[in-house]
PDB file of N, CA and C in Angstrom:
ATOM      1  N   UNK A   1       1.425  -7.485  14.269  1.00  0.00           N
ATOM      2  CA  UNK A   1       2.502  -6.498  13.904  1.00  0.00           C
ATOM      3  C   UNK A   1       3.765  -7.026  14.554  1.00  0.00           C
ATOM      4  N   UNK A   2       4.844  -6.931  13.662  1.00  0.00           N
ATOM      5  CA  UNK A   2       6.175  -7.430  14.298  1.00  0.00           C
ATOM      6  C   UNK A   2       7.119  -6.117  14.550  1.00  0.00           C
ATOM      7  N   UNK A   3       8.262  -6.340  15.200  1.00  0.00           N
ATOM      8  CA  UNK A   3       9.070  -5.328  15.685  1.00  0.00           C
ATOM      9  C   UNK A   3       9.802  -4.738  14.456  1.00  0.00           C
ATOM     10  N   UNK A   4       9.971  -5.459  13.453  1.00  0.00           N
ATOM     11  CA  UNK A   4      10.719  -4.905  12.272  1.00  0.00           C
ATOM     12  C   UNK A   4       9.922  -3.873  11.460  1.00  0.00           C
ATOM     13  N   UNK A   5       8.592  -3.872  11.555  1.00  0.00           N
ATOM     14  CA  UNK A   5       7.712  -2.830  10.973  1.00  0.00           C
ATOM     15  C   UNK A   5       7.963  -1.565  11.763  1.00  0.00           C
ATOM     16  N   UNK A   6       8.015  -1.649  13.244  1.00  0.00           N
ATOM     17  CA  UNK A   6       8.213  -0.574  13.913  1.00  0.00           C
ATOM     18  C   UNK A   6       9.571   0.057  13.820  1.00  0.00           C
ATOM     19  N   UNK A   7      10.560  -0.699  13.686  1.00  0.00           N
ATOM     20  CA  UNK A   7      11.966  -0.268  13.758  1.00  0.00           C
ATOM     21  C   UNK A   7      12.653   0.060  12.334  1.00  0.00           C
ATOM     22  N   UNK A   8      11.921  -0.182  11.202  1.00  0.00           N
ATOM     23  CA  UNK A   8      12.502   0.058   9.846  1.00  0.00           C
ATOM     24  C   UNK A   8      11.732   1.158   9.115  1.00  0.00           C
ATOM     25  N   UNK A   9      12.282   1.595   8.036  1.00  0.00           N
ATOM     26  CA  UNK A   9      11.610   2.460   7.063  1.00  0.00           C
ATOM     27  C   UNK A   9      11.085   3.766   7.732  1.00  0.00           C
ATOM     28  N   UNK A  10      11.983   4.452   8.494  1.00  0.00           N
ATOM     29  CA  UNK A  10      11.644   5.723   9.077  1.00  0.00           C
ATOM     30  C   UNK A  10      12.004   6.676   8.054  1.00  0.00           C
ATOM     31  N   UNK A  11      11.013   7.640   7.680  1.00  0.00           N
ATOM     32  CA  UNK A  11      11.251   8.641   6.681  1.00  0.00           C
ATOM     33  C   UNK A  11      10.806   9.952   7.442  1.00  0.00           C
ATOM     34  N   UNK A  12      10.878  11.064   6.704  1.00  0.00           N
ATOM     35  CA  UNK A  12      10.509  12.361   7.176  1.00  0.00           C
ATOM     36  C   UNK A  12       9.064  12.360   7.549  1.00  0.00           C
ATOM     37  N   UNK A  13       8.160  11.829   6.765  1.00  0.00           N
ATOM     38  CA  UNK A  13       6.577  11.958   7.195  1.00  0.00           C
ATOM     39  C   UNK A  13       6.332  11.157   8.417  1.00  0.00           C
ATOM     40  N   UNK A  14       7.075  10.104   8.621  1.00  0.00           N
ATOM     41  CA  UNK A  14       6.832   9.205   9.767  1.00  0.00           C
ATOM     42  C   UNK A  14       7.259   9.963  11.050  1.00  0.00           C
ATOM     43  N   UNK A  15       8.382  10.779  10.808  1.00  0.00           N
ATOM     44  CA  UNK A  15       8.818  11.634  12.043  1.00  0.00           C
ATOM     45  C   UNK A  15       7.776  12.666  12.306  1.00  0.00           C
ATOM     46  N   UNK A  16       7.196  13.361  11.277  1.00  0.00           N
ATOM     47  CA  UNK A  16       6.194  14.435  11.393  1.00  0.00           C
ATOM     48  C   UNK A  16       5.057  13.989  12.039  1.00  0.00           C
ATOM     49  N   UNK A  17       4.532  12.696  11.628  1.00  0.00           N
ATOM     50  CA  UNK A  17       3.425  12.150  12.410  1.00  0.00           C
ATOM     51  C   UNK A  17       3.618  11.737  13.742  1.00  0.00           C
ATOM     52  N   UNK A  18       4.916  11.301  14.129  1.00  0.00           N
ATOM     53  CA  UNK A  18       5.192  11.067  15.438  1.00  0.00           C
ATOM     54  C   UNK A  18       5.149  12.346  16.238  1.00  0.00           C
ATOM     55  N   UNK A  19       5.742  13.304  15.812  1.00  0.00           N
ATOM     56  CA  UNK A  19       5.860  14.494  16.525  1.00  0.00           C
ATOM     57  C   UNK A  19       4.514  15.254  16.783  1.00  0.00           C
ATOM     58  N   UNK A  20       3.661  15.178  15.604  1.00  0.00           N
ATOM     59  CA  UNK A  20       2.337  15.656  15.719  1.00  0.00           C
ATOM     60  C   UNK A  20       1.448  14.886  16.733  1.00  0.00           C
ATOM     61  N   UNK A  21       1.644  13.576  16.599  1.00  0.00           N
ATOM     62  CA  UNK A  21       0.761  12.773  17.405  1.00  0.00           C
ATOM     63  C   UNK A  21       1.143  12.972  18.898  1.00  0.00           C
ATOM     64  N   UNK A  22       2.313  13.006  19.212  1.00  0.00           N
ATOM     65  CA  UNK A  22       2.779  13.309  20.715  1.00  0.00           C
ATOM     66  C   UNK A  22       2.292  14.540  21.079  1.00  0.00           C
ATOM     67  N   UNK A  23       2.463  15.706  20.245  1.00  0.00           N
ATOM     68  CA  UNK A  23       2.251  17.021  20.689  1.00  0.00           C
ATOM     69  C   UNK A  23       0.658  17.165  20.900  1.00  0.00           C
ATOM     70  N   UNK A  24      -0.058  16.586  19.835  1.00  0.00           N
ATOM     71  CA  UNK A  24      -1.505  16.722  19.981  1.00  0.00           C
ATOM     72  C   UNK A  24      -2.187  15.868  21.171  1.00  0.00           C
ATOM     73  N   UNK A  25      -1.545  14.762  21.393  1.00  0.00           N
ATOM     74  CA  UNK A  25      -1.761  13.911  22.507  1.00  0.00           C
ATOM     75  C   UNK A  25      -1.697  14.602  23.826  1.00  0.00           C
ATOM     76  N   UNK A  26      -0.569  15.340  24.042  1.00  0.00           N
ATOM     77  CA  UNK A  26      -0.293  16.089  25.299  1.00  0.00           C
ATOM     78  C   UNK A  26      -1.383  17.167  25.468  1.00  0.00           C
ATOM     79  N   UNK A  27      -1.504  17.799  24.391  1.00  0.00           N
ATOM     80  CA  UNK A  27      -2.493  18.930  24.467  1.00  0.00           C
ATOM     81  C   UNK A  27      -3.879  18.344  24.662  1.00  0.00           C
ATOM     82  N   UNK A  28      -4.304  17.202  24.039  1.00  0.00           N
ATOM     83  CA  UNK A  28      -5.570  16.730  24.341  1.00  0.00           C
ATOM     84  C   UNK A  28      -5.719  16.216  25.790  1.00  0.00           C
ATOM     85  N   UNK A  29      -4.716  15.755  26.323  1.00  0.00           N
ATOM     86  CA  UNK A  29      -4.728  15.356  27.821  1.00  0.00           C
ATOM     87  C   UNK A  29      -4.965  16.566  28.658  1.00  0.00           C
ATOM     88  N   UNK A  30      -4.116  17.748  28.430  1.00  0.00           N
ATOM     89  CA  UNK A  30      -4.253  18.887  29.204  1.00  0.00           C
ATOM     90  C   UNK A  30      -5.618  19.586  28.984  1.00  0.00           C
ATOM     91  N   UNK A  31      -6.027  19.501  27.806  1.00  0.00           N
ATOM     92  CA  UNK A  31      -7.370  20.278  27.677  1.00  0.00           C
ATOM     93  C   UNK A  31      -8.590  19.397  27.815  1.00  0.00           C
ATOM     94  N   UNK A  32      -8.384  18.073  28.074  1.00  0.00           N
ATOM     95  CA  UNK A  32      -9.515  17.014  28.112  1.00  0.00           C
ATOM     96  C   UNK A  32     -10.339  17.035  26.804  1.00  0.00           C
ATOM     97  N   UNK A  33      -9.703  17.101  25.651  1.00  0.00           N
ATOM     98  CA  UNK A  33     -10.463  17.203  24.440  1.00  0.00           C
ATOM     99  C   UNK A  33     -10.405  15.701  23.845  1.00  0.00           C
ATOM    100  N   UNK A  34     -11.595  15.151  23.614  1.00  0.00           N
ATOM    101  CA  UNK A  34     -11.736  13.866  23.001  1.00  0.00           C
ATOM    102  C   UNK A  34     -11.439  13.850  21.463  1.00  0.00           C
ATOM    103  N   UNK A  35     -11.734  14.833  20.757  1.00  0.00           N
ATOM    104  CA  UNK A  35     -11.467  14.870  19.318  1.00  0.00           C
ATOM    105  C   UNK A  35      -9.947  15.001  19.063  1.00  0.00           C
ATOM    106  N   UNK A  36      -9.314  15.794  19.904  1.00  0.00           N
ATOM    107  CA  UNK A  36      -8.027  15.891  19.680  1.00  0.00           C
ATOM    108  C   UNK A  36      -7.293  14.720  20.038  1.00  0.00           C
ATOM    109  N   UNK A  37      -7.826  13.905  21.041  1.00  0.00           N
ATOM    110  CA  UNK A  37      -7.166  12.647  21.494  1.00  0.00           C
ATOM    111  C   UNK A  37      -7.372  11.580  20.422  1.00  0.00           C
ATOM    112  N   UNK A  38      -8.540  11.665  19.578  1.00  0.00           N
ATOM    113  CA  UNK A  38      -8.689  10.675  18.670  1.00  0.00           C
ATOM    114  C   UNK A  38      -7.770  10.973  17.388  1.00  0.00           C
ATOM    115  N   UNK A  39      -7.448  12.261  17.074  1.00  0.00           N
ATOM    116  CA  UNK A  39      -6.671  12.597  16.076  1.00  0.00           C
ATOM    117  C   UNK A  39      -5.318  12.188  16.520  1.00  0.00           C
ATOM    118  N   UNK A  40      -4.861  12.375  17.579  1.00  0.00           N
ATOM    119  CA  UNK A  40      -3.421  11.995  18.120  1.00  0.00           C
ATOM    120  C   UNK A  40      -3.433  10.416  17.947  1.00  0.00           C
ATOM    121  N   UNK A  41      -4.426   9.808  18.363  1.00  0.00           N
ATOM    122  CA  UNK A  41      -4.514   8.255  18.331  1.00  0.00           C
ATOM    123  C   UNK A  41      -4.244   7.807  16.940  1.00  0.00           C
ATOM    124  N   UNK A  42      -5.015   8.508  16.032  1.00  0.00           N
ATOM    125  CA  UNK A  42      -4.812   8.050  14.655  1.00  0.00           C
ATOM    126  C   UNK A  42      -3.420   8.277  14.107  1.00  0.00           C
ATOM    127  N   UNK A  43      -2.935   9.374  14.381  1.00  0.00           N
ATOM    128  CA  UNK A  43      -1.571   9.818  13.849  1.00  0.00           C
ATOM    129  C   UNK A  43      -0.560   8.674  14.546  1.00  0.00           C
ATOM    130  N   UNK A  44      -0.694   8.397  15.698  1.00  0.00           N
ATOM    131  CA  UNK A  44       0.241   7.479  16.358  1.00  0.00           C
ATOM    132  C   UNK A  44       0.068   6.016  15.825  1.00  0.00           C
ATOM    133  N   UNK A  45      -1.219   5.660  15.360  1.00  0.00           N
ATOM    134  CA  UNK A  45      -1.508   4.464  14.800  1.00  0.00           C
ATOM    135  C   UNK A  45      -0.736   4.374  13.490  1.00  0.00           C
ATOM    136  N   UNK A  46      -0.797   5.451  12.690  1.00  0.00           N
ATOM    137  CA  UNK A  46       0.024   5.686  11.461  1.00  0.00           C
ATOM    138  C   UNK A  46       1.446   5.418  11.616  1.00  0.00           C
ATOM    139  N   UNK A  47       1.978   6.002  12.710  1.00  0.00           N
ATOM    140  CA  UNK A  47       3.346   5.758  12.981  1.00  0.00           C
ATOM    141  C   UNK A  47       3.744   4.334  13.371  1.00  0.00           C
ATOM    142  N   UNK A  48       2.955   3.745  14.230  1.00  0.00           N
ATOM    143  CA  UNK A  48       3.334   2.364  14.630  1.00  0.00           C
ATOM    144  C   UNK A  48       3.190   1.463  13.479  1.00  0.00           C
ATOM    145  N   UNK A  49       2.247   1.523  12.673  1.00  0.00           N
ATOM    146  CA  UNK A  49       1.905   0.624  11.522  1.00  0.00           C
ATOM    147  C   UNK A  49       2.726   0.964  10.280  1.00  0.00           C
ATOM    148  N   UNK A  50       3.354   2.105  10.262  1.00  0.00           N
ATOM    149  CA  UNK A  50       3.908   2.619   8.990  1.00  0.00           C
ATOM    150  C   UNK A  50       3.012   2.664   7.854  1.00  0.00           C
ATOM    151  N   UNK A  51       1.835   3.204   8.009  1.00  0.00           N
ATOM    152  CA  UNK A  51       0.821   3.515   7.006  1.00  0.00           C
ATOM    153  C   UNK A  51       0.506   4.924   6.789  1.00  0.00           C
ATOM    154  N   UNK A  52       0.024   5.293   5.695  1.00  0.00           N
ATOM    155  CA  UNK A  52      -0.493   6.632   5.483  1.00  0.00           C
ATOM    156  C   UNK A  52      -1.945   6.595   5.370  1.00  0.00           C
ATOM    157  N   UNK A  53      -2.517   7.620   4.885  1.00  0.00           N
ATOM    158  CA  UNK A  53      -3.951   7.665   4.586  1.00  0.00           C
ATOM    159  C   UNK A  53      -4.316   6.595   3.509  1.00  0.00           C
ATOM    160  N   UNK A  54      -3.489   6.348   2.634  1.00  0.00           N
ATOM    161  CA  UNK A  54      -3.747   5.488   1.464  1.00  0.00           C
ATOM    162  C   UNK A  54      -3.166   3.956   1.725  1.00  0.00           C
ATOM    163  N   UNK A  55      -2.669   3.720   2.873  1.00  0.00           N
ATOM    164  CA  UNK A  55      -2.125   2.462   3.061  1.00  0.00           C
ATOM    165  C   UNK A  55      -0.642   2.437   2.564  1.00  0.00           C
ATOM    166  N   UNK A  56      -0.060   1.218   2.780  1.00  0.00           N
ATOM    167  CA  UNK A  56       1.411   1.122   2.507  1.00  0.00           C
ATOM    168  C   UNK A  56       1.600   1.304   1.022  1.00  0.00           C
ATOM    169  N   UNK A  57       2.385   2.210   0.578  1.00  0.00           N
ATOM    170  CA  UNK A  57       2.773   2.476  -0.848  1.00  0.00           C
ATOM    171  C   UNK A  57       1.437   2.600  -1.587  1.00  0.00           C
ATOM    172  N   UNK A  58       0.304   3.304  -0.972  1.00  0.00           N
ATOM    173  CA  UNK A  58      -0.811   3.480  -1.693  1.00  0.00           C
ATOM    174  C   UNK A  58      -0.797   4.641  -2.685  1.00  0.00           C
ATOM    175  N   UNK A  59       0.105   5.569  -2.417  1.00  0.00           N
ATOM    176  CA  UNK A  59       0.107   6.668  -3.184  1.00  0.00           C
ATOM    177  C   UNK A  59       1.286   6.701  -4.124  1.00  0.00           C
ATOM    178  N   UNK A  60       1.983   5.612  -4.126  1.00  0.00           N
ATOM    179  CA  UNK A  60       3.173   5.481  -5.066  1.00  0.00           C
ATOM    180  C   UNK A  60       2.879   5.581  -6.497  1.00  0.00           C
ATOM    181  N   UNK A  61       3.947   6.270  -7.271  1.00  0.00           N
ATOM    182  CA  UNK A  61       3.484   6.475  -8.571  1.00  0.00           C
ATOM    183  C   UNK A  61       4.065   5.116  -9.376  1.00  0.00           C
ATOM    184  N   UNK A  62       3.146   4.624 -10.288  1.00  0.00           N
ATOM    185  CA  UNK A  62       3.506   3.344 -10.806  1.00  0.00           C
ATOM    186  C   UNK A  62       4.620   3.455 -11.777  1.00  0.00           C
ATOM    187  N   UNK A  63       5.301   2.417 -11.845  1.00  0.00           N
ATOM    188  CA  UNK A  63       6.548   2.354 -12.750  1.00  0.00           C
ATOM    189  C   UNK A  63       6.197   2.539 -14.250  1.00  0.00           C
ATOM    190  N   UNK A  64       7.084   3.153 -14.970  1.00  0.00           N
ATOM    191  CA  UNK A  64       6.727   3.528 -16.398  1.00  0.00           C
ATOM    192  C   UNK A  64       6.814   2.217 -17.212  1.00  0.00           C
ATOM    193  N   UNK A  65       6.047   1.861 -17.977  1.00  0.00           N
ATOM    194  CA  UNK A  65       6.111   0.730 -18.861  1.00  0.00           C
ATOM    195  C   UNK A  65       6.793   1.081 -20.130  1.00  0.00           C
ATOM    196  N   UNK A  66       7.676   0.215 -20.544  1.00  0.00           N
ATOM    197  CA  UNK A  66       8.301   0.497 -21.841  1.00  0.00           C
ATOM    198  C   UNK A  66       7.442   0.206 -22.938  1.00  0.00           C
ATOM    199  N   UNK A  67       7.287   1.055 -23.813  1.00  0.00           N
ATOM    200  CA  UNK A  67       6.301   0.819 -24.984  1.00  0.00           C
ATOM    201  C   UNK A  67       7.240   0.257 -26.142  1.00  0.00           C
ATOM    202  N   UNK A  68       7.037  -1.004 -26.365  1.00  0.00           N
ATOM    203  CA  UNK A  68       7.923  -1.656 -27.397  1.00  0.00           C
ATOM    204  C   UNK A  68       7.080  -1.761 -28.783  1.00  0.00           C
ATOM    205  N   UNK A  69       5.823  -1.317 -28.717  1.00  0.00           N
ATOM    206  CA  UNK A  69       5.033  -1.449 -30.013  1.00  0.00           C
ATOM    207  C   UNK A  69       5.529  -0.282 -30.979  1.00  0.00           C
ATOM    208  N   UNK A  70       5.765  -0.502 -32.146  1.00  0.00           N
ATOM    209  CA  UNK A  70       6.320   0.505 -33.189  1.00  0.00           C
ATOM    210  C   UNK A  70       4.916   0.876 -33.950  1.00  0.00           C
ATOM    211  N   UNK A  71       4.951   2.198 -34.283  1.00  0.00           N
ATOM    212  CA  UNK A  71       3.742   2.711 -35.005  1.00  0.00           C
ATOM    213  C   UNK A  71       4.124   2.435 -36.537  1.00  0.00           C
ATOM    214  N   UNK A  72       3.132   2.176 -37.244  1.00  0.00           N
ATOM    215  CA  UNK A  72       3.295   1.877 -38.692  1.00  0.00           C
ATOM    216  C   UNK A  72       3.041   3.138 -39.382  1.00  0.00           C
ATOM    217  N   UNK A  73       3.402   3.164 -40.632  1.00  0.00           N
ATOM    218  CA  UNK A  73       3.259   4.344 -41.313  1.00  0.00           C
ATOM    219  C   UNK A  73       1.763   4.286 -41.942  1.00  0.00           C
ATOM    220  N   UNK A  74       1.062   5.351 -41.826  1.00  0.00           N
ATOM    221  CA  UNK A  74      -0.295   5.458 -42.120  1.00  0.00           C
ATOM    222  C   UNK A  74      -0.384   6.176 -43.550  1.00  0.00           C
ATOM    223  N   UNK A  75      -1.007   5.591 -44.409  1.00  0.00           N
ATOM    224  CA  UNK A  75      -1.254   6.181 -45.763  1.00  0.00           C
ATOM    225  C   UNK A  75      -2.662   6.919 -45.739  1.00  0.00           C
ATOM    226  N   UNK A  76      -2.570   8.245 -46.100  1.00  0.00           N
ATOM    227  CA  UNK A  76      -3.633   8.952 -46.091  1.00  0.00           C
ATOM    228  C   UNK A  76      -4.162   9.176 -47.713  1.00  0.00           C
ATOM    229  N   UNK A  77      -5.473   9.312 -47.817  1.00  0.00           N
ATOM    230  CA  UNK A  77      -6.005   9.471 -49.120  1.00  0.00           C
ATOM    231  C   UNK A  77      -6.684  10.839 -49.065  1.00  0.00           C
ATOM    232  N   UNK A  78      -6.389  11.583 -50.099  1.00  0.00           N
ATOM    233  CA  UNK A  78      -6.993  12.965 -50.224  1.00  0.00           C
ATOM    234  C   UNK A  78      -8.342  12.918 -50.849  1.00  0.00           C
ATOM    235  N   UNK A  79      -9.163  13.608 -50.166  1.00  0.00           N
ATOM    236  CA  UNK A  79     -10.651  13.651 -50.529  1.00  0.00           C
ATOM    237  C   UNK A  79     -10.795  15.111 -51.195  1.00  0.00           C
ATOM    238  N   UNK A  80     -11.308  15.097 -52.499  1.00  0.00           N
ATOM    239  CA  UNK A  80     -11.543  16.364 -53.200  1.00  0.00           C
ATOM    240  C   UNK A  80     -13.069  16.458 -53.251  1.00  0.00           C
ATOM    241  N   UNK A  81     -13.561  17.711 -53.010  1.00  0.00           N
ATOM    242  CA  UNK A  81     -14.896  17.981 -53.295  1.00  0.00           C
ATOM    243  C   UNK A  81     -15.221  18.325 -54.715  1.00  0.00           C
ATOM    244  N   UNK A  82     -16.390  17.975 -55.082  1.00  0.00           N
ATOM    245  CA  UNK A  82     -16.841  18.184 -56.667  1.00  0.00           C
ATOM    246  C   UNK A  82     -17.419  19.550 -56.807  1.00  0.00           C
TER     247      UNK A  82
END
């Protein structure tokens, strides 16, 4: 990991993860809770590596493709019953 990953692309969710990770980490230390410490470590790992649960841009919406195909006129045939 390079320092550019750590210092760039800070957004709202990254600050939320940082705040929760630090808060839960302090609480885990005070209460000696291993599960809380693991959750705090996971959140802090996401902050350091700038990843989410889906990975980098894993949940991004794909770009819209321009549909250049034109529809042809369809000829319908009427069917009559006897």
